[in-house]
Amino acid sequence: MATGISYCPNCGAPVQSHISFCANCGTKTSSSSSQTTQTQQSYYGPTPISQPPVSTGAYKAVVAALLIIIVLLGIFYYESSAGRLPFSLGTNHYQLANPPDFQHSQPAPAITSQSPFYIIWNACGSSQSAGCSMTANGWREGSVPDTFDYYVSFTSNVNVTVYFFTMGQFVQFSVCNGDVSCVSGYYNSIPATTNSPQFTLFTLGEGCADYLAVYVASGTGVMHPNVGVTRNAAPSATGYCAQAGS
């Protein structure tokens, strides 16, 4: 067992517990072990680091912005599916650097007694007799195959106009939600009719892959198309593809 240590009450010098007098000043000391100094050890863990409060303000702002975008997209989808845009894109919103000129829009479509070799469109579903539904604020379009003559025939219970647009003109048409006045340059068309039993022949695709046929109705109805093609490749570019800078 280790010997205890006490201190002189007069001078404070250390004194062995079994010694009655201070060797430094001669003062009598108490032999009681009650004054024995005991060393105590205490464990102090690391001071907890105070974590700053997490700010959620930025996250809340991002979530709110995403919710707003989702709502706006939903509104846009609803309006578009109903045939109405919630805002106007304006006339000639999309400009053509080199719109088709008159010379390269000839010859115009003409009625023919010939018949196509292949029928490529005569139904919009499983039943040919059901026809194709048409609306006043919509249209149906299809590409005119390159190196082919394109034959158009149809019957309908509503007036249908057929436009032959270049791809650039079709972008103008669709951006303006079907407004033909947005289309720049020259283009060909088959005038509005409900009955076109004879074929109308469009030949500018014989040497050009830039054309689409767009079928636009004046109101809600049903059209029965009878559209075909015959291969007739031109030796050189035709129509808009032959126009300089196209």
C-alpha atoms as a PDB file:
ATOM      1  CA  MET A   1       0.000   0.000   0.000  1.00  0.00           C
ATOM      2  CA  ALA A   2       1.437   3.440  -0.897  1.00  0.00           C
ATOM      3  CA  THR A   3       2.356   5.841   1.969  1.00  0.00           C
ATOM      4  CA  GLY A   4      -0.023   8.795   2.291  1.00  0.00           C
ATOM      5  CA  ILE A   5       1.118  12.374   2.044  1.00  0.00           C
ATOM      6  CA  SER A   6      -0.134  15.334   4.123  1.00  0.00           C
ATOM      7  CA  TYR A   7       0.870  18.986   4.171  1.00  0.00           C
ATOM      8  CA  CYS A   8       2.082  21.262   6.938  1.00  0.00           C
ATOM      9  CA  PRO A   9      -0.738  23.563   8.087  1.00  0.00           C
ATOM     10  CA  ASN A  10       1.830  26.332   8.719  1.00  0.00           C
ATOM     11  CA  CYS A  11       4.103  26.376   5.666  1.00  0.00           C
ATOM     12  CA  GLY A  12       2.402  23.913   3.330  1.00  0.00           C
ATOM     13  CA  ALA A  13       5.434  21.707   2.948  1.00  0.00           C
ATOM     14  CA  PRO A  14       4.719  18.008   2.223  1.00  0.00           C
ATOM     15  CA  VAL A  15       4.965  15.781   5.290  1.00  0.00           C
ATOM     16  CA  GLN A  16       4.851  11.994   5.495  1.00  0.00           C
ATOM     17  CA  SER A  17       1.674  10.880   7.223  1.00  0.00           C
ATOM     18  CA  HIS A  18       3.553   9.018   9.948  1.00  0.00           C
ATOM     19  CA  ILE A  19       5.721  12.076  10.848  1.00  0.00           C
ATOM     20  CA  SER A  20       4.366  14.353  13.622  1.00  0.00           C
ATOM     21  CA  PHE A  21       6.541  17.454  12.959  1.00  0.00           C
ATOM     22  CA  CYS A  22       7.190  19.463   9.796  1.00  0.00           C
ATOM     23  CA  ALA A  23      10.797  19.127   8.759  1.00  0.00           C
ATOM     24  CA  ASN A  24      10.645  22.580   7.192  1.00  0.00           C
ATOM     25  CA  CYS A  25       9.264  24.756   9.983  1.00  0.00           C
ATOM     26  CA  GLY A  26       8.963  22.401  12.967  1.00  0.00           C
ATOM     27  CA  THR A  27       5.254  22.797  13.335  1.00  0.00           C
ATOM     28  CA  LYS A  28       3.402  19.806  14.711  1.00  0.00           C
ATOM     29  CA  THR A  29       1.214  18.103  12.171  1.00  0.00           C
ATOM     30  CA  SER A  30      -1.756  15.776  12.528  1.00  0.00           C
ATOM     31  CA  SER A  31      -1.103  12.088  11.873  1.00  0.00           C
ATOM     32  CA  SER A  32      -4.667  11.535  10.771  1.00  0.00           C
ATOM     33  CA  SER A  33      -4.962  10.045   7.409  1.00  0.00           C
ATOM     34  CA  SER A  34      -8.066  12.088   6.833  1.00  0.00           C
ATOM     35  CA  GLN A  35      -5.948  14.780   5.185  1.00  0.00           C
ATOM     36  CA  THR A  36      -4.402  12.351   2.832  1.00  0.00           C
ATOM     37  CA  THR A  37      -4.719  13.633  -0.651  1.00  0.00           C
ATOM     38  CA  GLN A  38      -6.239  11.154  -2.965  1.00  0.00           C
ATOM     39  CA  THR A  39      -5.856  11.466  -6.651  1.00  0.00           C
ATOM     40  CA  GLN A  40      -9.056  10.822  -8.495  1.00  0.00           C
ATOM     41  CA  GLN A  41      -9.228  10.135 -12.161  1.00  0.00           C
ATOM     42  CA  SER A  42     -12.293  11.113 -14.134  1.00  0.00           C
ATOM     43  CA  TYR A  43     -13.012  10.283 -17.771  1.00  0.00           C
ATOM     44  CA  TYR A  44     -14.021  13.163 -19.943  1.00  0.00           C
ATOM     45  CA  GLY A  45     -15.210  12.087 -23.341  1.00  0.00           C
ATOM     46  CA  PRO A  46     -14.816  14.292 -26.372  1.00  0.00           C
ATOM     47  CA  THR A  47     -17.070  17.273 -26.351  1.00  0.00           C
ATOM     48  CA  PRO A  48     -19.972  16.588 -28.715  1.00  0.00           C
ATOM     49  CA  ILE A  49     -19.702  18.659 -31.857  1.00  0.00           C
ATOM     50  CA  SER A  50     -22.683  20.857 -32.282  1.00  0.00           C
ATOM     51  CA  GLN A  51     -24.289  20.202 -35.695  1.00  0.00           C
ATOM     52  CA  PRO A  52     -25.749  23.269 -37.382  1.00  0.00           C
ATOM     53  CA  PRO A  53     -29.424  22.936 -38.204  1.00  0.00           C
ATOM     54  CA  VAL A  54     -30.080  21.722 -41.759  1.00  0.00           C
ATOM     55  CA  SER A  55     -31.766  24.328 -43.897  1.00  0.00           C
ATOM     56  CA  THR A  56     -34.620  22.980 -46.025  1.00  0.00           C
ATOM     57  CA  GLY A  57     -35.448  26.253 -47.706  1.00  0.00           C
ATOM     58  CA  ALA A  58     -33.587  25.478 -50.950  1.00  0.00           C
ATOM     59  CA  TYR A  59     -35.120  22.010 -51.210  1.00  0.00           C
ATOM     60  CA  LYS A  60     -38.603  23.382 -50.676  1.00  0.00           C
ATOM     61  CA  ALA A  61     -38.031  25.933 -53.444  1.00  0.00           C
ATOM     62  CA  VAL A  62     -36.891  23.227 -55.881  1.00  0.00           C
ATOM     63  CA  VAL A  63     -39.880  21.015 -55.066  1.00  0.00           C
ATOM     64  CA  ALA A  64     -42.249  23.951 -55.525  1.00  0.00           C
ATOM     65  CA  ALA A  65     -40.709  24.785 -58.919  1.00  0.00           C
ATOM     66  CA  LEU A  66     -41.049  21.171 -60.073  1.00  0.00           C
ATOM     67  CA  LEU A  67     -44.688  21.079 -59.023  1.00  0.00           C
ATOM     68  CA  ILE A  68     -45.381  24.266 -60.990  1.00  0.00           C
ATOM     69  CA  ILE A  69     -43.710  22.790 -64.095  1.00  0.00           C
ATOM     70  CA  ILE A  70     -45.744  19.579 -63.780  1.00  0.00           C
ATOM     71  CA  VAL A  71     -48.979  21.557 -63.485  1.00  0.00           C
ATOM     72  CA  LEU A  72     -48.125  23.685 -66.533  1.00  0.00           C
ATOM     73  CA  LEU A  73     -47.255  20.603 -68.592  1.00  0.00           C
ATOM     74  CA  GLY A  74     -50.548  19.038 -67.604  1.00  0.00           C
ATOM     75  CA  ILE A  75     -52.452  22.132 -68.695  1.00  0.00           C
ATOM     76  CA  PHE A  76     -50.553  22.250 -71.984  1.00  0.00           C
ATOM     77  CA  TYR A  77     -51.261  18.581 -72.672  1.00  0.00           C
ATOM     78  CA  TYR A  78     -54.952  19.008 -71.922  1.00  0.00           C
ATOM     79  CA  GLU A  79     -55.288  22.059 -74.133  1.00  0.00           C
ATOM     80  CA  SER A  80     -53.299  20.489 -76.980  1.00  0.00           C
ATOM     81  CA  SER A  81     -55.285  17.251 -76.903  1.00  0.00           C
ATOM     82  CA  ALA A  82     -58.454  19.313 -77.163  1.00  0.00           C
ATOM     83  CA  GLY A  83     -57.062  21.054 -80.238  1.00  0.00           C
ATOM     84  CA  ARG A  84     -56.413  24.403 -78.522  1.00  0.00           C
ATOM     85  CA  LEU A  85     -53.106  25.919 -77.569  1.00  0.00           C
ATOM     86  CA  PRO A  86     -53.096  27.984 -74.354  1.00  0.00           C
ATOM     87  CA  PHE A  87     -51.035  30.657 -76.077  1.00  0.00           C
ATOM     88  CA  SER A  88     -50.462  31.985 -79.577  1.00  0.00           C
ATOM     89  CA  LEU A  89     -47.215  31.184 -81.324  1.00  0.00           C
ATOM     90  CA  GLY A  90     -47.780  33.985 -83.785  1.00  0.00           C
ATOM     91  CA  THR A  91     -47.815  34.173 -87.571  1.00  0.00           C
ATOM     92  CA  ASN A  92     -44.650  33.016 -89.349  1.00  0.00           C
ATOM     93  CA  HIS A  93     -43.094  32.001 -86.051  1.00  0.00           C
ATOM     94  CA  TYR A  94     -40.786  29.720 -88.019  1.00  0.00           C
ATOM     95  CA  GLN A  95     -39.062  31.343 -90.987  1.00  0.00           C
ATOM     96  CA  LEU A  96     -37.738  29.604 -94.107  1.00  0.00           C
ATOM     97  CA  ALA A  97     -34.411  30.876 -95.409  1.00  0.00           C
ATOM     98  CA  ASN A  98     -35.223  29.696 -98.941  1.00  0.00           C
ATOM     99  CA  PRO A  99     -38.961  29.057 -99.414  1.00  0.00           C
ATOM    100  CA  PRO A 100     -40.093  27.187-102.549  1.00  0.00           C
ATOM    101  CA  ASP A 101     -40.546  29.404-105.608  1.00  0.00           C
ATOM    102  CA  PHE A 102     -43.222  29.118-108.277  1.00  0.00           C
ATOM    103  CA  GLN A 103     -40.966  27.584-110.928  1.00  0.00           C
ATOM    104  CA  HIS A 104     -39.970  24.666-108.721  1.00  0.00           C
ATOM    105  CA  SER A 105     -43.580  24.046-107.651  1.00  0.00           C
ATOM    106  CA  GLN A 106     -44.530  22.937-111.164  1.00  0.00           C
ATOM    107  CA  PRO A 107     -46.108  20.889-112.581  1.00  0.00           C
ATOM    108  CA  ALA A 108     -49.184  21.141-110.409  1.00  0.00           C
ATOM    109  CA  PRO A 109     -51.187  18.019-109.452  1.00  0.00           C
ATOM    110  CA  ALA A 110     -53.586  16.918-112.187  1.00  0.00           C
ATOM    111  CA  ILE A 111     -56.419  14.427-112.566  1.00  0.00           C
ATOM    112  CA  THR A 112     -55.336  11.280-114.373  1.00  0.00           C
ATOM    113  CA  SER A 113     -57.002   8.205-115.803  1.00  0.00           C
ATOM    114  CA  GLN A 114     -54.066   6.090-114.671  1.00  0.00           C
ATOM    115  CA  SER A 115     -54.136   3.978-111.520  1.00  0.00           C
ATOM    116  CA  PRO A 116     -51.315   3.470-109.001  1.00  0.00           C
ATOM    117  CA  PHE A 117     -49.344   0.259-108.888  1.00  0.00           C
ATOM    118  CA  TYR A 118     -49.366   0.111-105.080  1.00  0.00           C
ATOM    119  CA  ILE A 119     -52.142   1.214-102.699  1.00  0.00           C
ATOM    120  CA  ILE A 120     -50.414   2.560 -99.577  1.00  0.00           C
ATOM    121  CA  TRP A 121     -53.316   4.071 -97.594  1.00  0.00           C
ATOM    122  CA  ASN A 122     -56.961   3.053 -97.557  1.00  0.00           C
ATOM    123  CA  ALA A 123     -57.779   2.734 -93.842  1.00  0.00           C
ATOM    124  CA  CYS A 124     -56.949   4.166 -90.426  1.00  0.00           C
ATOM    125  CA  GLY A 125     -57.692   1.036 -88.433  1.00  0.00           C
ATOM    126  CA  SER A 126     -58.462  -2.629 -88.798  1.00  0.00           C
ATOM    127  CA  SER A 127     -61.615  -1.931 -90.809  1.00  0.00           C
ATOM    128  CA  GLN A 128     -61.366  -0.243 -94.191  1.00  0.00           C
ATOM    129  CA  SER A 129     -65.087   0.498 -94.155  1.00  0.00           C
ATOM    130  CA  ALA A 130     -64.753   2.526 -90.936  1.00  0.00           C
ATOM    131  CA  GLY A 131     -62.703   5.163 -92.726  1.00  0.00           C
ATOM    132  CA  CYS A 132     -60.604   7.837 -91.032  1.00  0.00           C
ATOM    133  CA  SER A 133     -62.040  10.300 -88.540  1.00  0.00           C
ATOM    134  CA  MET A 134     -61.393  13.952 -89.357  1.00  0.00           C
ATOM    135  CA  THR A 135     -61.766  17.107 -87.258  1.00  0.00           C
ATOM    136  CA  ALA A 136     -61.803  20.808 -88.021  1.00  0.00           C
ATOM    137  CA  ASN A 137     -58.766  21.515 -85.849  1.00  0.00           C
ATOM    138  CA  GLY A 138     -56.655  18.547 -86.906  1.00  0.00           C
ATOM    139  CA  TRP A 139     -55.124  16.950 -89.960  1.00  0.00           C
ATOM    140  CA  ARG A 140     -53.593  13.753 -91.288  1.00  0.00           C
ATOM    141  CA  GLU A 141     -50.254  13.730 -93.041  1.00  0.00           C
ATOM    142  CA  GLY A 142     -48.049  11.230 -94.832  1.00  0.00           C
ATOM    143  CA  SER A 143     -44.738  11.401 -96.654  1.00  0.00           C
ATOM    144  CA  VAL A 144     -44.609  11.332-100.439  1.00  0.00           C
ATOM    145  CA  PRO A 145     -42.122   8.543-101.282  1.00  0.00           C
ATOM    146  CA  ASP A 146     -39.010   9.616-103.155  1.00  0.00           C
ATOM    147  CA  THR A 147     -38.759   8.381-106.786  1.00  0.00           C
ATOM    148  CA  PHE A 148     -42.512   7.626-106.894  1.00  0.00           C
ATOM    149  CA  ASP A 149     -45.583   9.246-108.419  1.00  0.00           C
ATOM    150  CA  TYR A 150     -48.239   9.895-105.763  1.00  0.00           C
ATOM    151  CA  TYR A 151     -51.924   9.201-106.516  1.00  0.00           C
ATOM    152  CA  VAL A 152     -54.699  10.731-104.376  1.00  0.00           C
ATOM    153  CA  SER A 153     -58.349   9.671-104.307  1.00  0.00           C
ATOM    154  CA  PHE A 154     -60.915   9.768-101.481  1.00  0.00           C
ATOM    155  CA  THR A 155     -64.549  10.206-100.547  1.00  0.00           C
ATOM    156  CA  SER A 156     -65.747  12.010 -97.443  1.00  0.00           C
ATOM    157  CA  ASN A 157     -68.829  13.437 -95.740  1.00  0.00           C
ATOM    158  CA  VAL A 158     -66.920  16.656 -95.031  1.00  0.00           C
ATOM    159  CA  ASN A 159     -64.815  18.884 -97.304  1.00  0.00           C
ATOM    160  CA  VAL A 160     -61.156  17.846 -97.384  1.00  0.00           C
ATOM    161  CA  THR A 161     -58.257  19.859 -98.837  1.00  0.00           C
ATOM    162  CA  VAL A 162     -54.953  18.169 -99.661  1.00  0.00           C
ATOM    163  CA  TYR A 163     -51.762  20.250 -99.372  1.00  0.00           C
ATOM    164  CA  PHE A 164     -48.360  19.211-100.692  1.00  0.00           C
ATOM    165  CA  PHE A 165     -45.810  20.872 -98.387  1.00  0.00           C
ATOM    166  CA  THR A 166     -42.054  20.657 -98.165  1.00  0.00           C
ATOM    167  CA  MET A 167     -40.811  19.604 -94.739  1.00  0.00           C
ATOM    168  CA  GLY A 168     -39.992  23.211 -93.878  1.00  0.00           C
ATOM    169  CA  GLN A 169     -43.463  24.365 -94.884  1.00  0.00           C
ATOM    170  CA  PHE A 170     -45.026  21.599 -92.805  1.00  0.00           C
ATOM    171  CA  VAL A 171     -43.098  22.834 -89.765  1.00  0.00           C
ATOM    172  CA  GLN A 172     -44.576  26.299 -90.329  1.00  0.00           C
ATOM    173  CA  PHE A 173     -48.044  24.800 -90.711  1.00  0.00           C
ATOM    174  CA  SER A 174     -47.827  22.669 -87.554  1.00  0.00           C
ATOM    175  CA  VAL A 175     -46.204  25.386 -85.411  1.00  0.00           C
ATOM    176  CA  CYS A 176     -49.144  27.655 -86.263  1.00  0.00           C
ATOM    177  CA  ASN A 177     -51.563  24.855 -85.310  1.00  0.00           C
ATOM    178  CA  GLY A 178     -52.797  24.289 -88.852  1.00  0.00           C
ATOM    179  CA  ASP A 179     -52.937  27.902 -90.031  1.00  0.00           C
ATOM    180  CA  VAL A 180     -52.094  27.826 -93.753  1.00  0.00           C
ATOM    181  CA  SER A 181     -51.378  31.566 -93.738  1.00  0.00           C
ATOM    182  CA  CYS A 182     -48.173  30.808 -91.807  1.00  0.00           C
ATOM    183  CA  VAL A 183     -46.768  28.804 -94.728  1.00  0.00           C
ATOM    184  CA  SER A 184     -44.330  30.790 -96.866  1.00  0.00           C
ATOM    185  CA  GLY A 185     -43.438  30.263-100.511  1.00  0.00           C
ATOM    186  CA  TYR A 186     -45.392  28.308-103.119  1.00  0.00           C
ATOM    187  CA  TYR A 187     -47.065  24.956-102.577  1.00  0.00           C
ATOM    188  CA  ASN A 188     -49.533  22.747-104.439  1.00  0.00           C
ATOM    189  CA  SER A 189     -52.937  21.596-103.261  1.00  0.00           C
ATOM    190  CA  ILE A 190     -56.083  19.727-104.249  1.00  0.00           C
ATOM    191  CA  PRO A 191     -59.067  22.054-103.678  1.00  0.00           C
ATOM    192  CA  ALA A 192     -61.589  21.209-100.971  1.00  0.00           C
ATOM    193  CA  THR A 193     -64.039  18.510-102.002  1.00  0.00           C
ATOM    194  CA  THR A 194     -66.038  15.657-100.540  1.00  0.00           C
ATOM    195  CA  ASN A 195     -65.755  13.417-103.574  1.00  0.00           C
ATOM    196  CA  SER A 196     -62.575  12.740-105.490  1.00  0.00           C
ATOM    197  CA  PRO A 197     -63.210   9.355-107.114  1.00  0.00           C
ATOM    198  CA  GLN A 198     -60.619   9.869-109.845  1.00  0.00           C
ATOM    199  CA  PHE A 199     -56.962   9.890-109.003  1.00  0.00           C
ATOM    200  CA  THR A 200     -55.060  13.174-108.819  1.00  0.00           C
ATOM    201  CA  LEU A 201     -51.387  12.716-109.700  1.00  0.00           C
ATOM    202  CA  PHE A 202     -48.540  14.522-107.878  1.00  0.00           C
ATOM    203  CA  THR A 203     -45.154  14.088-109.599  1.00  0.00           C
ATOM    204  CA  LEU A 204     -42.661  16.391-107.809  1.00  0.00           C
ATOM    205  CA  GLY A 205     -41.535  13.497-105.619  1.00  0.00           C
ATOM    206  CA  GLU A 206     -40.023  11.659-108.599  1.00  0.00           C
ATOM    207  CA  GLY A 207     -36.664  13.215-107.759  1.00  0.00           C
ATOM    208  CA  CYS A 208     -37.177  14.685-104.292  1.00  0.00           C
ATOM    209  CA  ALA A 209     -37.702  13.264-100.791  1.00  0.00           C
ATOM    210  CA  ASP A 210     -38.832  16.552 -99.234  1.00  0.00           C
ATOM    211  CA  TYR A 211     -42.618  16.392 -99.670  1.00  0.00           C
ATOM    212  CA  LEU A 212     -45.540  15.525 -97.426  1.00  0.00           C
ATOM    213  CA  ALA A 213     -49.244  15.272 -98.251  1.00  0.00           C
ATOM    214  CA  VAL A 214     -51.437  16.920 -95.600  1.00  0.00           C
ATOM    215  CA  TYR A 215     -55.188  16.196 -95.474  1.00  0.00           C
ATOM    216  CA  VAL A 216     -57.200  18.963 -93.780  1.00  0.00           C
ATOM    217  CA  ALA A 217     -60.961  18.772 -93.149  1.00  0.00           C
ATOM    218  CA  SER A 218     -63.334  21.717 -92.796  1.00  0.00           C
ATOM    219  CA  GLY A 219     -65.178  20.046 -89.928  1.00  0.00           C
ATOM    220  CA  THR A 220     -65.797  16.798 -88.106  1.00  0.00           C
ATOM    221  CA  GLY A 221     -66.453  13.844 -90.373  1.00  0.00           C
ATOM    222  CA  VAL A 222     -65.147  10.622 -91.881  1.00  0.00           C
ATOM    223  CA  MET A 223     -62.862  10.280 -94.906  1.00  0.00           C
ATOM    224  CA  HIS A 224     -62.280   7.100 -96.901  1.00  0.00           C
ATOM    225  CA  PRO A 225     -58.812   7.441 -98.493  1.00  0.00           C
ATOM    226  CA  ASN A 226     -57.561   5.581-101.535  1.00  0.00           C
ATOM    227  CA  VAL A 227     -53.935   6.633-101.946  1.00  0.00           C
ATOM    228  CA  GLY A 228     -51.304   4.832-103.993  1.00  0.00           C
ATOM    229  CA  VAL A 229     -47.908   5.158-105.656  1.00  0.00           C
ATOM    230  CA  THR A 230     -46.100   4.014-108.781  1.00  0.00           C
ATOM    231  CA  ARG A 231     -42.324   3.966-109.010  1.00  0.00           C
ATOM    232  CA  ASN A 232     -41.071   6.525-111.527  1.00  0.00           C
ATOM    233  CA  ALA A 233     -37.593   7.734-110.624  1.00  0.00           C
ATOM    234  CA  ALA A 234     -36.481  10.968-112.292  1.00  0.00           C
ATOM    235  CA  PRO A 235     -32.939  11.171-113.761  1.00  0.00           C
ATOM    236  CA  SER A 236     -32.270  14.352-111.752  1.00  0.00           C
ATOM    237  CA  ALA A 237     -33.653  16.379-108.858  1.00  0.00           C
ATOM    238  CA  THR A 238     -37.235  17.604-109.156  1.00  0.00           C
ATOM    239  CA  GLY A 239     -39.365  20.210-107.418  1.00  0.00           C
ATOM    240  CA  TYR A 240     -37.905  21.897-104.371  1.00  0.00           C
ATOM    241  CA  CYS A 241     -34.852  19.630-104.445  1.00  0.00           C
ATOM    242  CA  ALA A 242     -33.880  21.222-107.779  1.00  0.00           C
ATOM    243  CA  GLN A 243     -34.150  24.761-106.395  1.00  0.00           C
ATOM    244  CA  ALA A 244     -30.805  26.448-105.785  1.00  0.00           C
ATOM    245  CA  GLY A 245     -29.982  26.697-102.091  1.00  0.00           C
ATOM    246  CA  SER A 246     -32.642  24.230-101.020  1.00  0.00           C
END
